[in-house]
Amino acid sequence: MLRKLTINVADDVYEALHKLVGQGNIIQFVENLVRPHLVPFKRITAAQGRGAARYTGKPATDADLRKAAGAAAARRWATRQR
């Protein structure tokens, strides 16, 4: 189920998003950036990880994604231990 969300960003941020990902892809870009912070890691599929990597312009293999995801999980765990 999709929900509508309106956010306000500065003009320069919007212009950069528009140039980077295009008008119709901004919501997917934002969702791919936000999802790993909200959804437990084990529920994120490799395809979703590749979607985020696609926007950075870096080719991602499954091994690269697992390594990056492990590092992100370790950072999240470290912040919770404080």
C-alpha atoms as a PDB file:
ATOM      1  CA  MET A   1       0.000   0.000   0.000  1.00  0.00           C
ATOM      2  CA  LEU A   2       1.374   3.387  -0.941  1.00  0.00           C
ATOM      3  CA  ARG A   3       0.852   6.517   1.124  1.00  0.00           C
ATOM      4  CA  LYS A   4       1.313  10.083   0.030  1.00  0.00           C
ATOM      5  CA  LEU A   5       4.010  12.029   1.867  1.00  0.00           C
ATOM      6  CA  THR A   6       4.806  15.667   1.280  1.00  0.00           C
ATOM      7  CA  ILE A   7       8.192  16.970   2.333  1.00  0.00           C
ATOM      8  CA  ASN A   8       9.741  20.401   1.991  1.00  0.00           C
ATOM      9  CA  VAL A   9      13.336  20.737   0.850  1.00  0.00           C
ATOM     10  CA  ALA A  10      15.483  23.694  -0.093  1.00  0.00           C
ATOM     11  CA  ASP A  11      15.499  24.737  -3.743  1.00  0.00           C
ATOM     12  CA  ASP A  12      19.112  23.649  -4.245  1.00  0.00           C
ATOM     13  CA  VAL A  13      18.382  20.196  -2.802  1.00  0.00           C
ATOM     14  CA  TYR A  14      15.371  19.766  -5.073  1.00  0.00           C
ATOM     15  CA  GLU A  15      17.327  20.871  -8.140  1.00  0.00           C
ATOM     16  CA  ALA A  16      20.137  18.426  -7.300  1.00  0.00           C
ATOM     17  CA  LEU A  17      17.641  15.565  -6.839  1.00  0.00           C
ATOM     18  CA  HIS A  18      15.931  16.460 -10.092  1.00  0.00           C
ATOM     19  CA  LYS A  19      19.245  16.450 -11.989  1.00  0.00           C
ATOM     20  CA  LEU A  20      20.552  13.283 -10.310  1.00  0.00           C
ATOM     21  CA  VAL A  21      17.567  10.958 -10.538  1.00  0.00           C
ATOM     22  CA  GLY A  22      14.942  12.750 -12.626  1.00  0.00           C
ATOM     23  CA  GLN A  23      11.456  13.961 -11.816  1.00  0.00           C
ATOM     24  CA  GLY A  24       9.701  10.591 -11.739  1.00  0.00           C
ATOM     25  CA  ASN A  25      12.359   8.798  -9.682  1.00  0.00           C
ATOM     26  CA  ILE A  26      12.805  11.105  -6.684  1.00  0.00           C
ATOM     27  CA  ILE A  27      10.422   9.165  -4.445  1.00  0.00           C
ATOM     28  CA  GLN A  28      12.144   5.847  -5.212  1.00  0.00           C
ATOM     29  CA  PHE A  29      15.526   7.416  -4.496  1.00  0.00           C
ATOM     30  CA  VAL A  30      14.361   8.817  -1.151  1.00  0.00           C
ATOM     31  CA  GLU A  31      12.653   5.555  -0.204  1.00  0.00           C
ATOM     32  CA  ASN A  32      15.803   3.536  -0.996  1.00  0.00           C
ATOM     33  CA  LEU A  33      17.834   5.861   1.214  1.00  0.00           C
ATOM     34  CA  VAL A  34      15.383   5.829   4.125  1.00  0.00           C
ATOM     35  CA  ARG A  35      14.310   2.167   4.113  1.00  0.00           C
ATOM     36  CA  PRO A  36      17.533   0.683   5.579  1.00  0.00           C
ATOM     37  CA  HIS A  37      17.183   2.965   8.601  1.00  0.00           C
ATOM     38  CA  LEU A  38      13.608   1.925   9.298  1.00  0.00           C
ATOM     39  CA  VAL A  39      13.266  -1.706   8.218  1.00  0.00           C
ATOM     40  CA  PRO A  40      15.345  -4.421   9.927  1.00  0.00           C
ATOM     41  CA  PHE A  41      18.339  -5.407   7.786  1.00  0.00           C
ATOM     42  CA  LYS A  42      17.373  -9.036   7.298  1.00  0.00           C
ATOM     43  CA  ARG A  43      14.139  -7.972   5.553  1.00  0.00           C
ATOM     44  CA  ILE A  44      15.945  -5.935   2.866  1.00  0.00           C
ATOM     45  CA  THR A  45      16.471  -7.959  -0.280  1.00  0.00           C
ATOM     46  CA  ALA A  46      19.513  -7.879  -2.513  1.00  0.00           C
ATOM     47  CA  ALA A  47      17.374  -6.292  -5.237  1.00  0.00           C
ATOM     48  CA  GLN A  48      16.523  -3.376  -2.954  1.00  0.00           C
ATOM     49  CA  GLY A  49      20.184  -2.967  -2.121  1.00  0.00           C
ATOM     50  CA  ARG A  50      21.052  -2.912  -5.812  1.00  0.00           C
ATOM     51  CA  GLY A  51      18.419  -0.203  -6.302  1.00  0.00           C
ATOM     52  CA  ALA A  52      20.218   2.067  -3.851  1.00  0.00           C
ATOM     53  CA  ALA A  53      23.577   1.241  -5.423  1.00  0.00           C
ATOM     54  CA  ARG A  54      22.215   2.078  -8.868  1.00  0.00           C
ATOM     55  CA  TYR A  55      21.680   5.699  -7.821  1.00  0.00           C
ATOM     56  CA  THR A  56      25.239   6.043  -6.553  1.00  0.00           C
ATOM     57  CA  GLY A  57      26.522   4.942  -9.932  1.00  0.00           C
ATOM     58  CA  LYS A  58      28.636   2.165  -8.419  1.00  0.00           C
ATOM     59  CA  PRO A  59      28.308  -1.400  -9.654  1.00  0.00           C
ATOM     60  CA  ALA A  60      27.342  -3.651  -6.774  1.00  0.00           C
ATOM     61  CA  THR A  61      27.859  -7.370  -6.474  1.00  0.00           C
ATOM     62  CA  ASP A  62      26.104  -9.440  -3.839  1.00  0.00           C
ATOM     63  CA  ALA A  63      29.385  -9.672  -1.909  1.00  0.00           C
ATOM     64  CA  ASP A  64      29.751  -5.869  -1.966  1.00  0.00           C
ATOM     65  CA  LEU A  65      26.175  -5.454  -0.780  1.00  0.00           C
ATOM     66  CA  ARG A  66      26.652  -7.969   2.053  1.00  0.00           C
ATOM     67  CA  LYS A  67      29.864  -6.230   3.136  1.00  0.00           C
ATOM     68  CA  ALA A  68      28.235  -2.769   3.080  1.00  0.00           C
ATOM     69  CA  ALA A  69      25.132  -4.047   4.860  1.00  0.00           C
ATOM     70  CA  GLY A  70      27.248  -5.698   7.543  1.00  0.00           C
ATOM     71  CA  ALA A  71      29.149  -2.466   8.118  1.00  0.00           C
ATOM     72  CA  ALA A  72      25.889  -0.504   8.324  1.00  0.00           C
ATOM     73  CA  ALA A  73      24.434  -3.014  10.792  1.00  0.00           C
ATOM     74  CA  ALA A  74      27.593  -2.782  12.927  1.00  0.00           C
ATOM     75  CA  ARG A  75      27.315   1.027  12.976  1.00  0.00           C
ATOM     76  CA  ARG A  76      23.655   0.834  13.996  1.00  0.00           C
ATOM     77  CA  TRP A  77      24.492  -1.698  16.722  1.00  0.00           C
ATOM     78  CA  ALA A  78      27.325   0.495  18.024  1.00  0.00           C
ATOM     79  CA  THR A  79      25.038   3.539  18.308  1.00  0.00           C
ATOM     80  CA  ARG A  80      22.466   1.501  20.258  1.00  0.00           C
ATOM     81  CA  GLN A  81      25.101   0.314  22.753  1.00  0.00           C
ATOM     82  CA  ARG A  82      25.919   3.840  23.941  1.00  0.00           C
END
